[in-house]
Protein backbone atom coordinates (compact mmCIF):
# COMPACT_ATOMS: atom_id res chain seq x y z
CA MET A 1 0.00 0.00 0.00
CA LEU A 2 1.29 3.42 -0.82
CA GLU A 3 1.50 5.36 2.44
CA GLU A 4 3.40 8.35 1.18
CA ILE A 5 4.45 9.43 -2.29
CA TYR A 6 7.37 11.44 -3.57
CA ILE A 7 6.63 12.53 -7.13
CA THR A 8 9.40 13.31 -9.54
CA ILE A 9 7.88 15.78 -11.97
CA LEU A 10 9.11 16.14 -15.53
CA ALA A 11 9.56 19.63 -16.90
CA PHE A 12 7.33 18.91 -19.90
CA GLY A 13 5.80 21.92 -21.66
CA ILE A 14 7.35 24.59 -19.46
CA SER A 15 8.25 27.71 -21.43
CA SER A 16 11.39 29.63 -20.57
CA LEU A 17 11.31 32.17 -17.78
CA LEU A 18 12.87 34.72 -20.10
CA PHE A 19 10.09 34.55 -22.61
CA PHE A 20 7.28 35.38 -20.21
CA LEU A 21 9.19 38.37 -18.83
CA ILE A 22 9.16 40.21 -22.13
CA ALA A 23 5.79 39.45 -23.66
CA THR A 24 2.29 40.76 -22.98
CA LEU A 25 0.80 37.41 -24.01
CA TYR A 26 2.11 33.98 -23.11
CA LEU A 27 3.36 31.69 -25.85
CA ASP A 28 0.20 29.55 -26.00
CA GLU A 29 -1.92 32.72 -26.10
CA ARG A 30 0.09 34.12 -29.02
CA ARG A 31 -0.12 30.84 -30.90
CA LYS A 32 -3.88 30.77 -30.44
CA LYS A 33 -4.30 34.40 -31.50
CA TYR A 34 -2.27 34.05 -34.71
CA LYS A 35 -2.94 30.41 -35.61
CA ASN A 36 -4.91 31.28 -38.77
CA TYR A 37 -2.12 33.36 -40.33
CA ASP A 38 0.59 31.90 -42.54
CA TYR A 39 2.92 34.92 -42.47
CA ILE A 40 3.35 37.15 -39.44
CA LEU A 41 5.45 40.32 -39.14
CA TYR A 42 6.58 41.79 -35.87
CA GLU A 43 4.93 45.21 -35.50
CA LYS A 44 8.00 47.08 -34.31
CA CYS A 45 10.61 46.02 -36.88
CA LYS A 46 8.36 44.64 -39.67
CA GLN A 47 10.39 41.42 -39.76
CA GLU A 48 8.95 37.92 -39.91
CA ILE A 49 8.64 36.29 -36.51
CA ASN A 50 10.19 33.02 -35.40
CA TYR A 51 7.30 30.54 -35.38
CA GLN A 52 8.72 28.47 -32.54
CA VAL A 53 8.46 31.33 -30.07
CA HIS A 54 6.09 33.59 -32.06
CA TYR A 55 8.50 36.50 -31.70
CA TYR A 56 11.15 38.23 -33.84
CA LEU A 57 14.44 36.90 -32.49
CA ASN A 58 16.55 40.07 -32.67
CA CYS A 59 13.96 42.03 -30.70
CA TYR A 60 13.50 39.02 -28.45
CA TYR A 61 17.17 38.97 -27.44
CA ASN A 62 17.41 42.76 -27.14
CA LYS A 63 14.43 42.94 -24.82
CA ILE A 64 15.84 40.15 -22.69
CA LYS A 65 19.11 42.04 -22.31
CA ARG A 66 17.38 45.32 -21.51
CA TYR A 67 15.17 43.63 -18.95
CA ARG A 68 18.10 41.90 -17.27
CA MET A 69 20.18 45.09 -17.21
CA LYS A 70 17.27 47.09 -15.78
CA TYR A 71 16.36 44.76 -12.94
CA HIS A 72 19.60 42.94 -12.27
CA GLY A 73 22.29 45.51 -12.88
CA SER A 74 25.18 44.07 -14.84
CA LEU A 75 23.61 40.63 -15.40
CA LYS A 76 25.03 39.01 -18.56
CA VAL A 77 23.03 37.08 -21.18
CA LYS A 78 24.73 34.78 -23.68
CA ILE A 79 23.54 32.63 -26.58
CA PHE A 80 24.59 29.02 -25.99
CA GLU A 81 25.96 27.61 -29.26
CA ILE A 82 24.81 24.16 -30.44
CA SER A 83 28.34 23.38 -31.61
CA ASP A 84 29.48 23.49 -27.98
CA TYR A 85 27.99 20.03 -27.39
CA ASP A 86 31.26 18.80 -28.90
CA LEU A 87 32.87 20.05 -25.67
CA ASN A 88 32.66 18.12 -22.43
CA LYS A 89 30.77 19.50 -19.43
CA ASP A 90 33.84 21.07 -17.78
CA GLU A 91 34.82 22.82 -21.01
CA ARG A 92 31.29 24.18 -21.46
CA GLN A 93 31.23 25.37 -17.88
CA GLU A 94 34.56 27.16 -18.29
CA LYS A 95 33.40 28.90 -21.48
CA TYR A 96 30.13 30.20 -20.03
CA LYS A 97 31.00 30.62 -16.35
CA ASP A 98 30.79 34.44 -16.49
CA TYR A 99 27.22 34.50 -17.85
CA TYR A 100 24.20 34.37 -15.58
CA VAL A 101 21.68 33.50 -18.31
CA LEU A 102 22.29 31.17 -21.27
CA LEU A 103 19.80 30.92 -24.14
CA CYS A 104 19.82 27.91 -26.44
CA GLU A 105 20.77 28.93 -29.98
CA LYS A 106 18.24 26.51 -31.48
CA CYS A 107 15.06 26.71 -29.37
CA ASN A 108 15.61 29.94 -27.37
CA GLN A 109 14.94 28.18 -24.05
CA GLU A 110 17.08 28.82 -21.00
CA VAL A 111 20.00 26.39 -20.74
CA ASN A 112 20.32 24.23 -17.65
CA LYS A 113 23.47 25.53 -15.94
CA ARG A 114 23.76 22.45 -13.78
CA ASP A 115 24.77 20.40 -16.83
CA TYR A 116 25.36 23.26 -19.30
CA LYS A 117 22.99 21.83 -21.88
CA CYS A 118 19.50 22.53 -23.18
CA ASN A 119 17.16 19.79 -22.02
CA ASN A 120 14.97 20.35 -25.08
CA CYS A 121 17.68 20.04 -27.72
CA TYR A 122 20.57 18.09 -26.21
CA ASN A 123 19.17 14.66 -27.14
CA MET A 124 18.52 15.68 -30.74
CA GLU A 125 21.97 17.19 -31.14
CA THR A 126 23.84 14.24 -29.59
CA ASP A 127 22.32 10.80 -29.04
CA PRO A 128 18.59 10.80 -29.86
CA ASN A 129 18.11 7.79 -27.58
CA GLU A 130 19.65 9.41 -24.51
CA PHE A 131 17.09 10.49 -21.95
CA VAL A 132 17.60 13.81 -20.14
CA LEU A 133 15.29 15.03 -17.38
CA ASP A 134 14.99 18.23 -15.41
CA LEU A 135 13.56 16.96 -12.12
CA GLU A 136 11.87 18.54 -9.14
CA VAL A 137 10.77 16.53 -6.11
CA VAL A 138 7.57 17.35 -4.22
CA LYS A 139 5.66 15.57 -1.48
CA ASN A 140 2.00 16.43 -1.82
CA VAL A 141 -0.13 13.48 -2.91
CA ILE A 142 -3.19 12.49 -0.85
CA ASN A 143 -6.23 10.18 -0.99
CA ILE A 144 -4.46 7.25 -2.62
CA LYS A 145 -6.98 4.55 -3.56
CA TYR A 146 -6.47 1.18 -5.23
CA ILE A 147 -8.29 0.84 -8.58
CA ALA A 148 -7.16 -2.29 -10.41
CA LYS A 149 -4.34 -4.73 -11.10
CA GLY A 150 -2.96 -5.45 -14.56
CA GLY A 151 -0.49 -7.97 -15.83
CA PHE A 152 2.57 -5.91 -14.86
CA ALA A 153 1.27 -3.06 -12.71
CA LYS A 154 -1.18 -1.90 -10.08
CA VAL A 155 -3.16 1.29 -10.65
CA TYR A 156 -4.17 3.79 -7.96
CA SER A 157 -6.06 7.07 -8.06
CA ALA A 158 -4.81 10.01 -6.01
CA GLU A 159 -5.07 13.77 -5.52
CA TRP A 160 -1.99 15.84 -6.35
CA ILE A 161 -2.42 18.92 -4.17
CA ASP A 162 -0.42 21.50 -6.15
CA GLY A 163 -0.75 19.96 -9.61
CA ARG A 164 1.73 20.13 -12.46
CA ILE A 165 3.89 23.16 -13.26
CA LYS A 166 2.20 25.65 -15.58
CA ARG A 167 4.57 28.62 -15.92
CA TRP A 168 7.15 30.72 -14.11
CA ASN A 169 5.87 33.78 -12.22
CA PRO A 170 8.60 36.48 -12.21
CA LEU A 171 6.78 38.55 -9.57
CA SER A 172 6.66 35.80 -6.96
CA ASN A 173 9.91 34.30 -8.24
CA ASN A 174 8.30 30.87 -8.22
CA TRP A 175 6.46 28.36 -10.41
CA GLU A 176 2.73 28.64 -10.96
CA ARG A 177 0.89 25.31 -10.79
CA ASN A 178 -2.49 24.09 -12.01
CA GLY A 179 -3.81 23.38 -8.51
CA GLN A 180 -5.26 20.19 -7.08
CA THR A 181 -5.43 17.54 -9.79
CA LYS A 182 -6.74 13.99 -9.81
CA ILE A 183 -4.08 11.63 -11.11
CA ALA A 184 -3.49 7.94 -11.71
CA LEU A 185 -0.44 6.19 -10.26
CA LYS A 186 0.63 3.12 -12.21
CA VAL A 187 3.01 1.16 -9.98
CA LEU A 188 5.19 -1.17 -12.06
CA ASN A 189 5.72 -4.60 -10.53
CA ASP A 190 9.30 -5.61 -9.69
CA SER A 191 10.70 -2.33 -11.01
CA GLU A 192 13.01 -1.42 -8.13
CA ASN A 193 15.98 -2.21 -10.41
CA ILE A 194 14.45 -0.74 -13.55
CA SER A 195 16.64 -0.69 -16.64
CA GLU A 196 17.96 2.32 -18.52
CA ASP A 197 16.06 1.01 -21.57
CA PHE A 198 12.78 1.75 -19.82
CA LEU A 199 13.83 5.32 -19.05
CA ASN A 200 14.81 5.78 -22.68
CA GLU A 201 11.32 4.67 -23.71
CA TYR A 202 9.60 6.82 -21.06
CA PRO A 203 9.25 10.06 -23.09
CA GLY A 204 6.85 8.27 -25.45
CA ILE A 205 4.15 8.08 -22.77
CA VAL A 206 1.22 10.38 -23.52
CA GLU A 207 -0.01 12.74 -20.80
CA CYS A 208 2.50 11.50 -18.25
CA PHE A 209 3.37 14.06 -15.57
CA GLY A 210 6.37 12.29 -14.13
CA ILE A 211 7.74 9.27 -12.32
CA THR A 212 7.78 8.47 -8.63
CA ARG A 213 8.62 5.64 -6.26
CA ASP A 214 6.72 3.63 -3.68
CA PRO A 215 8.86 4.24 -0.55
CA ILE A 216 8.03 0.78 0.80
CA SER A 217 8.49 -1.55 -2.18
CA LEU A 218 10.80 0.87 -4.06
CA ASN A 219 8.86 0.07 -7.24
CA TYR A 220 8.60 2.89 -9.76
CA ALA A 221 5.26 4.42 -10.66
CA LEU A 222 4.08 6.53 -13.57
CA VAL A 223 2.15 9.68 -12.67
CA LEU A 224 -0.57 9.84 -15.32
CA GLU A 225 -3.54 11.95 -16.22
CA TYR A 226 -6.59 10.39 -14.59
CA ALA A 227 -9.37 9.06 -16.81
CA LYS A 228 -12.60 7.56 -15.49
CA ASN A 229 -13.00 4.81 -18.07
CA ASP A 230 -10.98 2.65 -20.36
CA LEU A 231 -12.66 1.75 -23.65
CA ARG A 232 -13.48 -1.80 -22.56
CA SER A 233 -15.38 -0.74 -19.43
CA TYR A 234 -16.99 2.18 -21.30
CA LEU A 235 -18.42 -0.16 -23.96
CA TYR A 236 -19.68 -2.57 -21.31
CA ARG A 237 -21.43 0.27 -19.47
CA THR A 238 -23.01 1.79 -22.61
CA TYR A 239 -23.83 -1.50 -24.38
CA ASN A 240 -27.55 -0.72 -24.80
CA SER A 241 -27.26 3.02 -25.44
CA ILE A 242 -24.20 3.83 -27.56
CA THR A 243 -25.08 4.99 -31.07
CA LEU A 244 -23.31 4.41 -34.35
CA GLY A 245 -22.42 8.10 -34.49
CA GLN A 246 -20.68 7.87 -31.12
CA LYS A 247 -18.85 4.73 -32.22
CA LEU A 248 -17.62 6.41 -35.39
CA ILE A 249 -16.27 9.36 -33.39
CA ILE A 250 -14.39 7.07 -30.98
CA ILE A 251 -12.97 5.01 -33.86
CA ASN A 252 -11.78 8.11 -35.69
CA ARG A 253 -10.09 9.53 -32.59
CA ILE A 254 -8.27 6.28 -31.91
CA CYS A 255 -7.14 6.05 -35.55
CA TYR A 256 -5.97 9.67 -35.44
CA GLY A 257 -4.04 9.06 -32.20
CA LEU A 258 -2.31 5.96 -33.55
CA HIS A 259 -1.34 7.69 -36.79
CA ILE A 260 -0.32 11.17 -35.60
CA ILE A 261 1.05 10.51 -32.12
CA ILE A 262 2.68 7.11 -32.70
CA HIS A 263 3.18 5.89 -36.27
CA ASP A 264 3.90 9.30 -37.77
CA MET A 265 6.71 9.58 -35.20
CA ARG A 266 8.03 6.21 -36.47
CA LEU A 267 7.08 4.46 -33.24
CA ILE A 268 5.34 1.13 -32.65
CA HIS A 269 2.97 0.76 -29.68
CA LYS A 270 3.33 -3.05 -29.34
CA ASP A 271 0.50 -3.55 -26.81
CA LEU A 272 -2.61 -1.94 -28.26
CA HIS A 273 -5.92 -3.15 -26.78
CA SER A 274 -9.16 -1.66 -25.45
CA GLY A 275 -7.85 -1.56 -21.89
CA ASN A 276 -5.18 0.91 -23.05
CA ILE A 277 -7.66 3.33 -24.66
CA LEU A 278 -8.82 5.94 -22.15
CA ILE A 279 -12.23 7.62 -22.41
CA ASP A 280 -12.90 10.73 -20.33
CA GLY A 281 -14.46 13.40 -22.54
CA VAL A 282 -11.65 12.75 -25.02
CA THR A 283 -10.17 9.50 -26.33
CA LEU A 284 -6.49 8.84 -25.58
CA ILE A 285 -4.14 5.97 -26.31
CA SER A 286 -2.11 5.12 -23.22
CA ASP A 287 0.50 2.65 -21.95
CA PHE A 288 3.49 3.49 -24.12
CA GLY A 289 5.92 1.79 -21.74
CA PHE A 290 6.88 -0.81 -24.37
CA CYS A 291 6.78 1.54 -27.35
CA ILE A 292 9.84 1.25 -29.64
CA PRO A 293 11.14 3.05 -32.74
CA THR A 294 10.41 1.35 -36.06
CA ASN A 295 14.13 0.94 -36.78
CA LYS A 296 14.84 -0.80 -33.47
CA THR A 297 14.39 -4.51 -32.83
CA SER A 298 13.57 -5.85 -29.40
CA SER A 299 16.17 -7.99 -27.66
CA ASP A 300 13.48 -9.58 -25.46
CA SER A 301 12.49 -13.03 -26.72
CA ASN A 302 9.30 -13.11 -24.62
CA VAL A 303 5.95 -12.62 -26.38
CA TYR A 304 3.95 -10.12 -24.35
CA GLY A 305 0.42 -8.77 -24.74
CA VAL A 306 -3.30 -9.58 -24.72
CA MET A 307 -3.75 -12.64 -26.94
CA PRO A 308 -6.97 -11.71 -28.83
CA TYR A 309 -5.45 -8.40 -30.00
CA MET A 310 -2.13 -9.82 -31.19
CA ALA A 311 -1.31 -10.29 -34.87
CA PRO A 312 -0.62 -13.90 -35.94
CA GLU A 313 2.97 -13.08 -36.93
CA ILE A 314 3.62 -11.79 -33.39
CA LEU A 315 2.18 -14.99 -31.90
CA ARG A 316 4.68 -16.83 -34.10
CA GLY A 317 7.53 -14.90 -32.49
CA GLU A 318 8.23 -12.28 -35.17
CA GLN A 319 9.14 -8.65 -34.41
CA HIS A 320 6.49 -5.98 -33.89
CA THR A 321 5.85 -3.66 -36.84
CA LEU A 322 3.52 -0.81 -37.75
CA ALA A 323 1.35 -3.45 -39.44
CA SER A 324 1.02 -5.46 -36.22
CA ASP A 325 -0.32 -2.31 -34.52
CA VAL A 326 -2.81 -1.99 -37.40
CA TYR A 327 -3.99 -5.57 -36.78
CA SER A 328 -4.65 -4.68 -33.12
CA LEU A 329 -6.47 -1.54 -34.26
CA GLY A 330 -8.75 -3.67 -36.46
CA ILE A 331 -9.66 -5.86 -33.48
CA ILE A 332 -10.39 -2.74 -31.40
CA MET A 333 -12.53 -1.20 -34.15
CA ASN A 334 -14.61 -4.38 -34.36
CA GLU A 335 -14.94 -4.41 -30.56
CA ILE A 336 -16.38 -0.89 -30.73
CA VAL A 337 -18.81 -1.76 -33.52
CA THR A 338 -20.04 -5.00 -31.91
CA VAL A 339 -19.68 -3.75 -28.31
CA THR A 340 -18.16 -7.14 -27.50
CA THR A 341 -14.66 -8.12 -26.43
CA PRO A 342 -12.88 -10.38 -28.95
CA PHE A 343 -13.13 -14.15 -28.42
CA ASN A 344 -15.01 -13.65 -25.16
CA ASN A 345 -16.84 -17.00 -25.39
CA GLN A 346 -13.79 -19.29 -25.34
CA PRO A 347 -10.58 -19.88 -23.37
CA HIS A 348 -7.56 -17.82 -24.35
CA ASP A 349 -5.28 -20.81 -24.65
CA ARG A 350 -2.95 -22.46 -27.16
CA PHE A 351 -5.89 -23.64 -29.24
CA LEU A 352 -6.97 -20.02 -29.76
CA VAL A 353 -3.42 -19.12 -30.82
CA LEU A 354 -3.54 -21.95 -33.35
CA ASP A 355 -6.94 -20.82 -34.66
CA ILE A 356 -5.82 -17.18 -35.00
CA CYS A 357 -2.90 -18.31 -37.14
CA ARG A 358 -5.30 -20.38 -39.23
CA GLY A 359 -7.46 -17.31 -39.83
CA LEU A 360 -10.04 -17.14 -37.03
CA ARG A 361 -11.17 -13.58 -36.31
CA PRO A 362 -13.83 -12.09 -34.00
CA ASN A 363 -17.39 -12.09 -35.29
CA THR A 364 -18.47 -8.91 -37.07
CA ILE A 365 -21.91 -7.29 -37.19
CA ARG A 366 -24.10 -8.98 -39.79
CA THR A 367 -25.15 -6.62 -42.57
CA GLU A 368 -27.10 -9.16 -44.66
CA THR A 369 -30.69 -8.11 -43.94
CA THR A 370 -33.73 -7.04 -45.91
CA GLU A 371 -34.63 -4.42 -43.33
CA THR A 372 -33.78 -0.84 -44.17
CA SER A 373 -31.46 0.81 -41.69
CA ASN A 374 -29.39 3.96 -41.79
CA SER A 375 -26.63 2.01 -40.08
CA LEU A 376 -26.14 -0.82 -42.57
CA ASN A 377 -24.26 1.04 -45.32
CA PHE A 378 -21.83 2.52 -42.83
CA LEU A 379 -21.41 -0.84 -41.08
CA LYS A 380 -20.55 -2.48 -44.41
CA GLU A 381 -17.82 0.09 -45.02
CA LEU A 382 -16.48 -0.39 -41.50
CA ASN A 383 -16.46 -4.17 -41.88
CA LYS A 384 -14.45 -3.89 -45.10
CA LEU A 385 -11.89 -1.68 -43.36
CA ILE A 386 -11.72 -3.94 -40.31
CA GLU A 387 -11.15 -7.06 -42.41
CA ARG A 388 -8.32 -5.33 -44.26
CA CYS A 389 -6.71 -4.43 -40.93
CA TRP A 390 -6.64 -8.01 -39.69
CA ASP A 391 -5.50 -9.61 -42.94
CA ALA A 392 -3.17 -12.53 -42.22
CA ASN A 393 -0.56 -11.05 -44.57
CA SER A 394 0.80 -7.92 -42.93
CA ILE A 395 1.73 -6.45 -46.33
CA ASN A 396 -1.97 -6.32 -47.28
CA ARG A 397 -2.97 -4.26 -44.25
CA PRO A 398 -3.61 -0.52 -44.72
CA THR A 399 -1.40 2.06 -43.04
CA SER A 400 -2.67 3.97 -40.02
CA GLY A 401 -2.81 7.09 -42.20
CA GLU A 402 -5.07 5.36 -44.73
CA ILE A 403 -7.29 4.05 -41.92
CA CYS A 404 -7.49 7.56 -40.48
CA ASP A 405 -8.64 8.96 -43.85
CA ILE A 406 -11.22 6.21 -44.47
CA SER A 407 -12.68 6.39 -40.95
CA LEU A 408 -12.98 10.16 -41.29
CA ASP A 409 -14.76 9.78 -44.64
CA ILE A 410 -17.24 7.34 -43.09
CA LEU A 411 -17.83 9.70 -40.16
CA ASN A 412 -18.34 12.70 -42.48
CA ASP A 413 -20.75 10.74 -44.70
CA TYR A 414 -22.71 9.68 -41.64
CA THR A 415 -22.85 13.24 -40.29
CA ASN A 416 -23.92 14.70 -43.65
CA GLN A 417 -26.65 12.11 -44.14
CA LYS A 418 -27.90 12.63 -40.60
CA GLN A 419 -28.12 16.40 -41.09
CA ALA A 420 -29.91 15.99 -44.42
CA GLU A 421 -32.47 13.54 -43.01
CA GLU A 422 -33.17 15.60 -39.91
CA GLN A 423 -33.63 18.76 -41.98
CA LYS A 424 -36.31 16.95 -44.00
CA ASN A 425 -38.03 15.68 -40.86
CA PRO A 426 -37.00 17.42 -37.59
CA SER A 427 -38.79 14.78 -35.49
CA TYR A 428 -36.88 11.93 -37.15
CA ASN A 429 -34.18 10.31 -34.98
CA PHE A 430 -31.49 9.40 -37.48
CA ASP A 431 -28.88 8.69 -34.84
CA GLU A 432 -30.59 5.51 -33.67
CA THR A 433 -28.93 3.00 -31.39
CA ILE A 434 -27.57 0.05 -33.34
CA ASP A 435 -29.51 -3.12 -32.68
CA ASN A 436 -26.65 -5.28 -31.44
CA THR A 437 -28.79 -8.40 -31.90
CA LEU A 438 -28.18 -8.13 -35.67
CA ASN A 439 -25.48 -10.68 -35.05
CA SER A 440 -26.94 -13.48 -32.93
CA SER A 441 -23.49 -14.99 -32.39
CA ILE A 442 -22.35 -11.98 -30.36
CA THR A 443 -22.68 -12.44 -26.61
CA MET A 444 -21.78 -10.32 -23.61
CA LYS A 445 -21.09 -13.38 -21.45
CA THR A 446 -17.35 -13.87 -20.92
CA HIS A 447 -15.68 -17.25 -20.54
CA SER A 448 -13.90 -17.73 -17.22
CA GLN A 449 -10.62 -18.41 -19.04
CA ALA A 450 -10.83 -15.37 -21.32
CA ILE A 451 -8.02 -13.11 -20.07
CA TYR A 452 -7.80 -9.45 -21.10
CA LYS A 453 -4.67 -8.42 -19.19
CA SER A 454 -1.24 -8.02 -20.75
CA LYS A 455 1.09 -10.85 -19.82
CA ILE A 456 3.95 -12.96 -21.11
CA LEU A 457 2.41 -15.74 -23.19
CA ASP A 458 3.48 -19.38 -23.20
CA LEU A 459 3.07 -20.22 -26.89
CA PRO A 460 3.45 -23.35 -29.03
CA SER A 461 6.83 -23.55 -30.72
CA HIS A 462 5.50 -24.66 -34.13
CA LEU A 463 2.58 -22.67 -35.48
CA PRO A 464 1.24 -22.69 -39.06
CA GLU A 465 1.84 -19.85 -41.49
CA PRO A 466 -0.90 -17.20 -41.03
CA SER A 467 -3.80 -17.62 -43.44
CA ASN A 468 -7.14 -15.98 -44.18
CA CYS A 469 -9.25 -19.11 -43.76
CA SER A 470 -12.91 -18.25 -43.07
CA ASN A 471 -14.37 -18.41 -39.57
CA LEU A 472 -16.87 -21.06 -40.71
CA ILE A 473 -14.10 -23.46 -41.76
CA ILE A 474 -12.19 -22.77 -38.53
CA GLN A 475 -15.30 -23.47 -36.47
CA ASN A 476 -15.77 -26.79 -38.27
CA VAL A 477 -12.19 -27.69 -37.44
CA GLN A 478 -12.78 -26.67 -33.81
CA ALA A 479 -15.76 -29.04 -33.63
CA GLU A 480 -13.50 -31.92 -34.66
CA LYS A 481 -10.45 -30.98 -32.58
CA LEU A 482 -9.83 -34.42 -31.20
CA GLN A 483 -9.84 -36.01 -34.65
CA SER A 484 -8.31 -33.14 -36.62
CA GLU A 485 -4.85 -33.63 -38.08
CA CYS A 486 -4.31 -29.90 -37.62
CA LEU A 487 -3.86 -30.51 -33.91
CA GLU A 488 -0.45 -31.98 -34.65
CA CYS A 489 1.00 -28.48 -34.67
CA ALA A 490 -0.41 -27.68 -31.21
CA ILE A 491 1.63 -28.46 -28.14
CA PRO A 492 -0.63 -29.42 -25.21
CA ASP A 493 -0.30 -27.62 -21.89
């Protein structure tokens, strides 16, 4: 049990002290004000601004110097040159020891004089895999409550009294914070001797405020933005009320997050499932602890994840790829459409692994009906996209960018048709709830051996090449398991 928490807060998103001292508007306020303009001139000198800081740099530096001279006498300001990263720390310190303020030549942020390097740019200018943190320790977390236990972590909710750092206040000479904030603490099992590899992967975590330690077990914990629901529990709770329009919005947001936040940054999530999608007003992909760059192979031979969401090539021991994330996305999209967890009516055992490699996939919503429904055309398009995502051949799967475009087109078509129909008849409810009984094979009852927590899987050593065999054929094989020759490739428990 966590009795007392020391949170190590990352300096994510904190603008330089110098910038706020010289501007009427803060950086985010200037960006918002001028976001619709492609070309911006600074009023005083008529020169184009720097779009990183939304300020003209010459005037920016001059004002900094005037401000420092006015309020701090002979205080010296110096531009820290990127080329100086070729020097060691002692050489950098000797060069800049007479200057009170150092500004990074590249990003204009104040340089950390403890290490004589810019925390924003140092990694990019040296080793992109090296992890640099600017840390501050506080002790102000209360109301810690246990929520749930996953395969490799326990999750708690808590109240962070002061909240995360927002900006520097030059009048009080202190940091302004967001105030009391509800957070989630994800305590990683057996992490007291955590590896440097994990810290190198840590910056990929979305909406993570910092890292901390349980003072009793010494296990590390991630300090995360709190969300009330994950997608799996949200779908269970809204099973009889969620509409197709709501499903399309959730699908599009997940696709957008996977493409823009992960794949477009050349990263692979590796453990995408509905328990890692957070729903709390907005839809967020979480749990990036095992995220890796696309050009990096994992040295870990263990196969880790939630079996029903894992691509057949991963179950066969191959490396994770962008396409294996897309397979998981297809399973999640179908889960949203059917409001049913994948393979919930059978054990998640070696036989399921075998069947997935043969081509077994979760049941989709049936669209073969003579009844007219606004939903059917959109469901057909979704089913086509989903089936492409979980194709046995990873080369045939669409990219996350293509999925993002198609899902947005479906959502826009749905919205346009809804608006047109409701304009014709204001009393007509176009956005009807999907009748989930369209597919009689879908059930909410979950088998006692259906496991939806990430874990290391004990898999057969000889699995067949992935194929796109139909579910009907697979089910016939399942019915004859004891007599089937295909069982020769399964290793019994």
